[in-house]
Protein backbone atom coordinates (compact mmCIF):
# COMPACT_ATOMS: atom_id res chain seq x y z
CA MET A 1 12.42 0.98 -17.44
CA PHE A 2 10.17 3.25 -15.38
CA VAL A 3 7.54 1.32 -13.41
CA ASP A 4 5.16 3.20 -11.12
CA ARG A 5 2.62 0.51 -10.21
CA ALA A 6 3.06 -3.03 -8.94
CA GLU A 7 1.01 -5.72 -7.21
CA ILE A 8 2.63 -7.88 -4.55
CA SER A 9 1.56 -10.33 -1.85
CA VAL A 10 3.01 -10.18 1.64
CA LYS A 11 2.78 -12.75 4.42
CA ALA A 12 4.08 -12.32 7.93
CA GLY A 13 5.51 -15.29 9.80
CA LYS A 14 3.48 -17.73 11.87
CA GLY A 15 4.09 -17.80 15.60
CA GLY A 16 5.86 -20.87 16.96
CA ASN A 17 3.90 -23.48 18.90
CA GLY A 18 4.06 -23.72 22.66
CA SER A 19 5.80 -26.75 24.11
CA VAL A 20 4.43 -29.58 26.24
CA SER A 21 7.28 -30.50 28.58
CA PHE A 22 7.87 -31.48 32.22
CA HIS A 23 10.82 -30.80 34.44
CA ARG A 24 12.89 -33.98 34.73
CA GLU A 25 16.24 -34.38 36.41
CA LYS A 26 17.92 -36.61 38.94
CA TYR A 27 16.16 -36.60 42.31
CA VAL A 28 13.21 -34.68 40.74
CA PRO A 29 11.26 -37.48 39.06
CA ALA A 30 7.93 -35.65 38.93
CA GLY A 31 8.69 -31.99 38.29
CA GLY A 32 6.09 -29.55 37.10
CA PRO A 33 5.36 -28.35 33.55
CA ASP A 34 8.16 -26.34 31.96
CA GLY A 35 7.10 -26.04 28.33
CA GLY A 36 8.32 -22.79 26.78
CA ASP A 37 6.38 -20.40 24.56
CA GLY A 38 6.72 -20.27 20.79
CA GLY A 39 8.64 -17.43 19.16
CA ARG A 40 6.86 -14.58 17.44
CA GLY A 41 6.51 -14.64 13.67
CA GLY A 42 8.53 -12.13 11.64
CA ASP A 43 7.01 -8.89 10.33
CA VAL A 44 6.93 -7.53 6.79
CA ILE A 45 8.28 -3.96 6.97
CA VAL A 46 8.27 -1.31 4.23
CA ILE A 47 10.93 1.40 4.29
CA ALA A 48 11.74 4.36 2.05
CA ASP A 49 14.91 4.20 -0.01
CA ALA A 50 16.09 7.56 -1.35
CA ASN A 51 18.21 5.77 -3.97
CA MET A 52 15.19 4.15 -5.65
CA SER A 53 13.13 5.98 -8.28
CA THR A 54 10.98 3.20 -9.74
CA LEU A 55 9.05 0.08 -8.72
CA ARG A 56 10.80 -1.98 -11.36
CA ASP A 57 12.16 -4.53 -8.86
CA PHE A 58 8.62 -5.63 -8.04
CA LYS A 59 8.05 -6.79 -11.61
CA TYR A 60 10.42 -9.68 -10.92
CA LYS A 61 9.57 -10.52 -7.33
CA ARG A 62 5.96 -10.42 -6.21
CA LYS A 63 5.84 -12.56 -3.05
CA TYR A 64 7.40 -11.58 0.28
CA GLU A 65 7.22 -13.90 3.27
CA ALA A 66 8.71 -13.33 6.71
CA GLY A 67 10.17 -16.14 8.82
CA ASN A 68 8.10 -18.30 11.15
CA GLY A 69 8.75 -18.30 14.89
CA ALA A 70 10.44 -21.39 16.32
CA ASP A 71 8.55 -23.72 18.65
CA GLY A 72 9.14 -23.48 22.38
CA SER A 73 11.00 -26.22 24.20
CA GLY A 74 11.58 -27.62 27.67
CA LYS A 75 13.16 -25.76 30.58
CA THR A 76 10.79 -22.85 29.74
CA ARG A 77 12.86 -21.94 26.70
CA THR A 78 11.07 -19.59 24.32
CA GLY A 79 11.44 -20.26 20.62
CA LYS A 80 13.42 -17.87 18.44
CA ASP A 81 11.44 -15.08 16.76
CA GLY A 82 11.04 -15.29 13.00
CA ASP A 83 13.17 -13.06 10.75
CA ASN A 84 11.59 -9.84 9.49
CA VAL A 85 11.40 -9.09 5.77
CA ILE A 86 12.37 -5.56 4.69
CA ILE A 87 10.81 -4.20 1.48
CA LYS A 88 12.48 -1.08 0.09
CA VAL A 89 10.37 1.33 -1.98
CA PRO A 90 10.95 4.79 -3.46
CA GLU A 91 9.90 7.84 -1.47
CA GLY A 92 6.37 8.77 -2.44
CA THR A 93 5.01 5.22 -2.65
CA VAL A 94 1.38 4.77 -1.62
CA VAL A 95 0.45 1.28 -0.44
CA ARG A 96 -3.16 0.22 -1.07
CA ASP A 97 -5.22 -2.85 -0.25
CA LYS A 98 -5.75 -4.67 -3.55
CA ASP A 99 -9.36 -5.68 -2.88
CA THR A 100 -10.74 -2.37 -1.63
CA GLY A 101 -8.27 0.21 -2.94
CA ALA A 102 -8.06 1.68 0.58
CA VAL A 103 -4.81 3.46 1.49
CA ILE A 104 -2.77 1.48 3.99
CA THR A 105 0.14 3.92 4.24
CA ASP A 106 2.02 6.62 2.36
CA ILE A 107 5.79 6.16 2.49
CA SER A 108 6.98 9.76 2.37
CA TYR A 109 8.14 12.56 4.63
CA SER A 110 6.69 11.80 8.09
CA ILE A 111 6.45 8.03 7.48
CA ASP A 112 9.56 6.37 6.11
CA LYS A 113 9.06 3.00 7.83
CA PHE A 114 5.86 1.00 8.23
CA THR A 115 5.00 -2.51 9.41
CA LEU A 116 2.78 -3.78 6.61
CA ALA A 117 2.04 -7.24 8.01
CA HIS A 118 2.45 -8.25 11.65
CA GLY A 119 3.80 -11.65 12.60
CA GLY A 120 1.64 -14.04 14.61
CA SER A 121 2.10 -14.35 18.36
CA GLY A 122 3.81 -17.44 19.69
CA GLY A 123 1.68 -20.07 21.43
CA TRP A 124 1.85 -20.56 25.18
CA GLY A 125 3.72 -23.52 26.60
CA ASN A 126 2.00 -25.85 29.06
CA LYS A 127 3.57 -24.05 32.03
CA HIS A 128 0.83 -21.42 31.62
CA PHE A 129 -1.98 -23.94 32.16
CA ALA A 130 -0.91 -25.40 35.47
CA THR A 131 -3.44 -24.93 38.28
CA PRO A 132 -3.79 -26.44 41.79
CA THR A 133 -6.19 -29.02 40.34
CA ARG A 134 -4.40 -29.46 36.98
CA GLN A 135 -0.78 -29.86 37.89
CA ALA A 136 0.33 -31.73 34.78
CA PRO A 137 -1.34 -30.12 31.72
CA ARG A 138 -0.51 -32.08 28.59
CA PHE A 139 -1.52 -29.43 26.13
CA ALA A 140 -0.19 -26.10 24.87
CA LYS A 141 -1.34 -23.44 22.45
CA SER A 142 -0.29 -23.27 18.83
CA GLY A 143 1.14 -20.09 17.35
CA LEU A 144 -1.10 -17.67 15.50
CA PRO A 145 -0.75 -17.16 11.75
CA GLY A 146 0.76 -13.91 10.54
CA GLN A 147 -1.15 -11.30 8.60
CA GLU A 148 -1.42 -11.87 4.88
CA LEU A 149 -2.22 -9.13 2.37
CA GLN A 150 -2.46 -8.51 -1.34
CA VAL A 151 -1.34 -4.93 -1.91
CA VAL A 152 -0.85 -2.46 -4.74
CA LEU A 153 2.18 -0.15 -4.73
CA GLU A 154 1.67 3.19 -6.46
CA LEU A 155 4.55 5.57 -6.95
CA LYS A 156 3.46 9.20 -6.89
CA LEU A 157 6.51 11.31 -7.62
CA ILE A 158 7.46 13.90 -5.03
CA ALA A 159 7.80 17.17 -6.93
CA ASP A 160 6.92 20.76 -6.10
CA VAL A 161 5.96 21.78 -9.64
CA GLY A 162 4.27 19.69 -12.32
CA LEU A 163 4.47 20.57 -16.00
CA VAL A 164 1.25 19.69 -17.84
CA GLY A 165 0.07 20.20 -21.37
CA PHE A 166 -0.50 18.35 -24.62
CA PRO A 167 2.37 16.37 -26.13
CA ASN A 168 4.96 18.35 -28.08
CA VAL A 169 4.22 21.73 -26.49
CA GLY A 170 7.73 22.03 -25.00
CA LYS A 171 7.49 20.59 -21.48
CA SER A 172 10.66 18.52 -21.80
CA THR A 173 12.52 21.41 -23.40
CA LEU A 174 11.58 23.73 -20.55
CA LEU A 175 12.66 21.17 -17.95
CA SER A 176 16.04 20.75 -19.66
CA VAL A 177 16.55 24.52 -19.77
CA VAL A 178 15.75 25.28 -16.12
CA SER A 179 17.43 22.20 -14.60
CA LYS A 180 20.18 19.68 -15.30
CA ALA A 181 17.70 17.01 -16.37
CA ASN A 182 18.29 15.48 -19.79
CA PRO A 183 14.90 14.28 -21.04
CA LYS A 184 14.51 12.87 -24.52
CA ILE A 185 13.38 15.65 -26.85
CA ALA A 186 12.10 15.36 -30.39
CA ASP A 187 9.41 16.82 -32.63
CA TYR A 188 6.84 14.05 -32.33
CA HIS A 189 4.16 13.05 -29.88
CA PHE A 190 4.86 10.93 -26.85
CA THR A 191 8.61 11.39 -26.91
CA THR A 192 8.40 11.37 -23.12
CA LEU A 193 7.27 7.92 -22.00
CA PHE A 194 7.90 8.38 -18.29
CA PRO A 195 8.02 11.33 -15.87
CA ASN A 196 11.27 13.25 -15.69
CA LEU A 197 12.43 15.11 -12.60
CA GLY A 198 14.77 18.06 -12.40
CA VAL A 199 16.00 20.31 -9.60
CA VAL A 200 15.53 23.99 -10.43
CA SER A 201 17.85 26.49 -8.77
CA ALA A 202 15.92 29.53 -7.59
CA GLY A 203 18.92 31.54 -6.40
CA GLU A 204 20.20 32.34 -2.90
CA GLY A 205 20.54 28.67 -2.05
CA SER A 206 16.87 27.83 -2.66
CA SER A 207 15.60 25.27 -5.17
CA PHE A 208 12.55 23.20 -6.03
CA VAL A 209 11.80 19.94 -7.86
CA MET A 210 10.02 20.10 -11.21
CA ALA A 211 8.38 17.13 -12.95
CA ASP A 212 7.61 16.76 -16.63
CA ILE A 213 4.35 14.75 -16.66
CA PRO A 214 3.85 12.95 -19.99
CA GLY A 215 0.86 11.63 -21.81
CA ILE A 216 -1.98 13.98 -20.87
CA ILE A 217 -4.34 14.20 -23.84
CA GLU A 218 -8.08 14.42 -24.24
CA GLY A 219 -9.56 11.33 -22.55
CA ALA A 220 -6.48 10.78 -20.39
CA SER A 221 -8.53 10.51 -17.18
CA GLU A 222 -10.38 7.58 -18.77
CA GLY A 223 -7.23 5.83 -19.89
CA ALA A 224 -6.55 7.34 -23.31
CA GLY A 225 -2.93 7.67 -24.34
CA LEU A 226 -0.55 7.47 -21.40
CA GLY A 227 -2.50 9.83 -19.16
CA HIS A 228 -4.22 7.22 -17.02
CA ASP A 229 -0.81 5.90 -16.00
CA PHE A 230 0.83 9.23 -15.23
CA LEU A 231 -1.84 11.59 -13.93
CA ARG A 232 -1.14 10.22 -10.44
CA HIS A 233 2.26 11.90 -10.49
CA ILE A 234 0.69 15.36 -10.29
CA ASP A 235 -1.05 14.47 -7.01
CA ARG A 236 1.81 15.74 -4.85
CA CYS A 237 2.64 18.85 -6.90
CA ARG A 238 1.90 22.06 -5.02
CA LEU A 239 2.01 24.15 -8.19
CA ILE A 240 1.12 23.40 -11.81
CA ILE A 241 2.73 25.10 -14.80
CA HIS A 242 0.37 24.67 -17.71
CA ILE A 243 2.20 24.90 -21.04
CA VAL A 244 0.43 25.60 -24.33
CA ASP A 245 1.75 26.03 -27.86
CA ILE A 246 0.92 29.63 -28.73
CA SER A 247 2.46 29.38 -32.20
CA GLY A 248 -0.37 27.27 -33.62
CA SER A 249 2.28 25.37 -35.53
CA GLU A 250 0.20 22.20 -35.56
CA GLY A 251 -3.07 23.95 -36.28
CA ARG A 252 -4.21 23.63 -32.67
CA ASP A 253 -6.23 26.22 -30.77
CA PRO A 254 -4.42 27.07 -27.49
CA VAL A 255 -7.70 28.02 -25.78
CA GLU A 256 -9.26 24.64 -26.58
CA ASP A 257 -6.08 22.81 -25.55
CA PHE A 258 -5.96 24.68 -22.24
CA GLU A 259 -9.58 23.80 -21.43
CA LYS A 260 -9.22 20.16 -22.48
CA ILE A 261 -6.23 19.60 -20.22
CA ASN A 262 -7.98 21.25 -17.28
CA GLU A 263 -11.04 19.12 -17.90
CA GLU A 264 -8.88 15.99 -17.69
CA LEU A 265 -7.49 17.24 -14.38
CA ARG A 266 -11.03 17.85 -13.11
CA GLN A 267 -12.15 14.38 -14.18
CA TYR A 268 -9.17 12.81 -12.42
CA SER A 269 -9.42 14.90 -9.25
CA PRO A 270 -11.43 18.09 -8.62
CA GLU A 271 -8.98 18.95 -5.85
CA LEU A 272 -6.08 18.67 -8.29
CA ALA A 273 -7.81 20.94 -10.81
CA SER A 274 -8.12 23.62 -8.12
CA ARG A 275 -4.35 23.83 -7.54
CA VAL A 276 -2.58 27.09 -8.35
CA GLN A 277 -1.59 27.24 -12.03
CA LEU A 278 0.83 29.42 -13.92
CA VAL A 279 0.21 29.49 -17.67
CA ALA A 280 3.21 29.44 -20.01
CA ALA A 281 2.52 30.31 -23.66
CA ASN A 282 5.49 28.59 -25.30
CA LYS A 283 7.02 29.01 -28.78
CA PHE A 284 6.20 32.71 -28.63
CA ASP A 285 9.26 33.46 -30.73
CA ILE A 286 7.72 31.79 -33.78
CA ALA A 287 4.11 32.83 -33.14
CA GLN A 288 2.73 34.98 -35.99
CA ASP A 289 -1.03 35.01 -35.45
CA GLU A 290 -1.55 38.23 -33.48
CA GLU A 291 -5.30 37.65 -33.23
CA LEU A 292 -4.76 34.19 -31.70
CA ILE A 293 -2.25 35.58 -29.21
CA GLU A 294 -4.60 38.37 -28.14
CA ARG A 295 -7.58 36.03 -27.84
CA PHE A 296 -5.63 33.58 -25.68
CA SER A 297 -4.16 36.36 -23.54
CA SER A 298 -7.60 37.86 -22.87
CA TYR A 299 -9.08 34.46 -22.09
CA ILE A 300 -6.39 33.52 -19.55
CA LYS A 301 -6.54 36.89 -17.80
CA GLU A 302 -10.34 36.64 -17.55
CA LYS A 303 -9.89 33.27 -15.83
CA GLY A 304 -7.57 34.88 -13.30
CA TYR A 305 -4.39 32.99 -14.21
CA LYS A 306 -0.93 34.52 -14.45
CA LEU A 307 0.29 34.33 -18.04
CA PHE A 308 3.92 34.18 -19.25
CA PHE A 309 4.97 34.31 -22.89
CA ILE A 310 8.11 32.20 -23.24
CA SER A 311 10.34 30.41 -25.69
CA ALA A 312 11.92 27.43 -24.00
CA THR A 313 14.24 26.86 -26.95
CA ALA A 314 15.47 30.48 -26.99
CA LYS A 315 15.31 30.68 -23.17
CA SER A 316 13.18 33.79 -23.48
CA GLY A 317 10.87 34.60 -20.54
CA VAL A 318 12.00 31.48 -18.67
CA LYS A 319 13.69 33.39 -15.86
CA GLU A 320 10.48 35.32 -15.12
CA LEU A 321 8.48 32.10 -15.07
CA VAL A 322 10.88 30.44 -12.61
CA SER A 323 10.82 33.54 -10.37
CA ALA A 324 7.01 33.50 -10.31
CA ALA A 325 7.00 29.78 -9.50
CA THR A 326 9.43 30.36 -6.63
CA ALA A 327 7.25 33.13 -5.21
CA GLU A 328 4.10 30.96 -5.42
CA LEU A 329 5.79 28.00 -3.74
CA ALA A 330 6.81 30.21 -0.83
CA LYS A 331 3.10 30.82 -0.14
CA LEU A 332 1.78 27.28 -0.71
CA PRO A 333 1.43 24.68 2.08
CA PRO A 334 3.49 21.47 2.19
CA ILE A 335 2.56 18.51 0.06
CA ALA A 336 -0.35 16.54 1.47
CA VAL A 337 0.20 13.02 2.72
CA PHE A 338 -2.36 10.37 1.84
CA GLU A 339 -4.20 9.45 5.03
CA PRO A 340 -4.70 5.74 5.72
CA ASP A 341 -8.28 4.47 5.50
CA PHE A 342 -7.59 0.74 5.51
CA VAL A 343 -8.96 -1.28 8.43
CA PRO A 344 -6.96 -4.51 8.83
CA LYS A 345 -8.52 -7.71 10.03
CA ARG A 346 -7.06 -8.03 13.51
CA ASN A 347 -8.74 -11.25 14.66
CA THR A 348 -6.62 -13.92 13.02
CA ARG A 349 -8.26 -16.70 15.04
CA GLY A 350 -11.63 -16.23 13.41
CA ASN A 351 -14.97 -16.33 15.20
CA PRO A 352 -17.15 -19.27 16.27
CA GLU A 353 -20.11 -17.49 14.63
CA ASP A 354 -18.38 -17.92 11.25
CA LEU A 355 -18.18 -21.71 11.48
CA ILE A 356 -19.74 -23.58 8.56
CA ILE A 357 -22.03 -26.47 9.63
CA ASP A 358 -23.25 -28.92 6.98
CA VAL A 359 -25.53 -31.94 7.49
CA PHE A 360 -25.19 -35.18 5.52
CA ASP A 361 -27.89 -37.62 6.78
CA ASP A 362 -26.82 -38.14 10.40
CA VAL A 363 -23.31 -36.70 10.01
CA TRP A 364 -22.73 -33.08 11.05
CA SER A 365 -19.63 -31.47 9.52
CA ILE A 366 -18.09 -28.39 11.17
CA GLU A 367 -15.25 -26.33 9.72
CA GLY A 368 -13.76 -22.87 9.90
CA LEU A 369 -10.63 -20.96 10.92
CA TRP A 370 -11.71 -20.71 14.57
CA MET A 371 -12.11 -24.50 14.75
CA GLU A 372 -8.76 -25.12 13.08
CA GLN A 373 -7.03 -22.98 15.69
CA LEU A 374 -8.89 -24.59 18.57
CA MET A 375 -8.01 -28.12 17.44
CA ALA A 376 -4.36 -27.13 17.07
CA ASP A 377 -4.38 -26.21 20.76
CA VAL A 378 -5.77 -29.55 21.93
CA ASN A 379 -3.97 -32.78 22.78
CA PHE A 380 -6.73 -35.32 22.14
CA SER A 381 -4.77 -38.12 23.82
CA ASP A 382 -5.03 -36.29 27.15
CA HIS A 383 -8.29 -36.42 29.13
CA GLU A 384 -7.98 -32.90 30.59
CA SER A 385 -7.24 -31.46 27.20
CA ARG A 386 -10.32 -33.17 25.73
CA MET A 387 -12.43 -31.75 28.55
CA PHE A 388 -11.02 -28.31 27.74
CA PHE A 389 -12.09 -28.82 24.09
CA GLU A 390 -15.62 -29.83 25.13
CA ARG A 391 -15.96 -26.84 27.44
CA VAL A 392 -14.80 -24.35 24.82
CA LEU A 393 -17.28 -25.71 22.26
CA ARG A 394 -20.13 -25.45 24.75
CA ASP A 395 -19.16 -21.98 25.98
CA ALA A 396 -18.79 -20.69 22.40
CA GLY A 397 -22.34 -21.81 21.57
CA VAL A 398 -21.33 -24.43 19.00
CA TYR A 399 -23.36 -27.18 20.67
CA GLN A 400 -26.34 -24.84 20.98
CA ARG A 401 -26.19 -24.16 17.22
CA LEU A 402 -26.17 -27.89 16.54
CA GLU A 403 -29.18 -28.42 18.79
CA ASP A 404 -31.06 -25.52 17.20
CA MET A 405 -30.40 -27.13 13.80
CA GLY A 406 -31.85 -30.45 15.03
CA ILE A 407 -28.92 -32.67 15.98
CA LYS A 408 -29.93 -35.84 17.90
CA ASP A 409 -28.16 -38.09 20.38
CA GLY A 410 -26.08 -40.64 18.53
CA ASP A 411 -25.53 -38.46 15.44
CA THR A 412 -21.93 -38.21 14.28
CA VAL A 413 -20.05 -34.91 14.56
CA SER A 414 -17.16 -34.65 12.07
CA ILE A 415 -14.53 -31.95 12.61
CA TYR A 416 -11.69 -32.42 10.13
CA ASN A 417 -9.93 -35.65 11.20
CA LEU A 418 -11.95 -35.96 14.45
CA GLU A 419 -15.29 -37.82 14.73
CA PHE A 420 -17.43 -38.49 17.81
CA GLU A 421 -21.01 -39.32 18.74
CA TYR A 422 -23.07 -36.42 19.98
CA VAL A 423 -24.54 -36.72 23.47
CA LYS A 424 -26.56 -33.93 25.05
């Protein structure tokens, strides 16, 4: 089963907590703090795998979580770092943020390895908080949470040449003739239900990759047929070979078909529609309408395209078409890489400005990510640690916000499982 789009969630590991510990051994009854730092959380890393050609595996597993860092311990021992998670994807996979659609990375060519979610830093042990006046700190910092993302994986096949055209015009037949690919071929629409790739030998040791792109019909750019699913696979093609049925065997007008397909390309991407095209008039061996052939030939030449009359089945004119494609590819620049435009949220501790303050009679409730992290760093059974908590709240402007909102002496402040009377 060919799968070229998948949604997954990734979560990097949380950093380990710092340790509260004091040096104790015989003859040293009152040693200083020696709490070690927490280990770093594991990362979620995406790498390219040349042996993969589909995103099928992600239909069965959608959640990827890296390991958490271990807590620090006494004797200044740092906790073990969390294990990384490696996600393998096919070359040509674009990773997007699910909410915004912004490109996070493009796993192809120059980038074959990317850290998608960074693990949280480990918390500091109490050894870091010792000062001349605070020689026995009984608090440490907790580890930071790892990054968490909902992402969309999009596979955009890496091919030099893309074959486009209405169903049943001979794209699969041409691919099978010029390469060793074995696509399913039959005389009915939508025989090809997924893109097929083939390597075309161009002589003298050179070759290029050709893709048979299925499902492009009128309305494809808006989701009709299979086009909405597969138009993305032309994005990386440097050259387009546009195949039309010149025989009129199904009563179709090749001029109208040519324009309709190009209009779908324009609707999907104006840049894509401007790519170099070679036009292949297929089934020429059974074409009998001389007027239709002449009208199409004149139309294509007026548009400035190179036209080739071929019969994929009889292998007539195919060699000339491949030679022209090889010559065009030699002049065209490398395939573009999708530039990242995703801006990750770096501040995983939150901001005091984002705290939510609610008032219920004389009870003031405060909550938010910043407060959760602060409380995790505080040992409320230790006087110095409580003073640290008070000072941080005042310096961050939390008390000022409460006063601006009208808090009075004696009112109750409720912060999760902590309650105290407010005193100015």
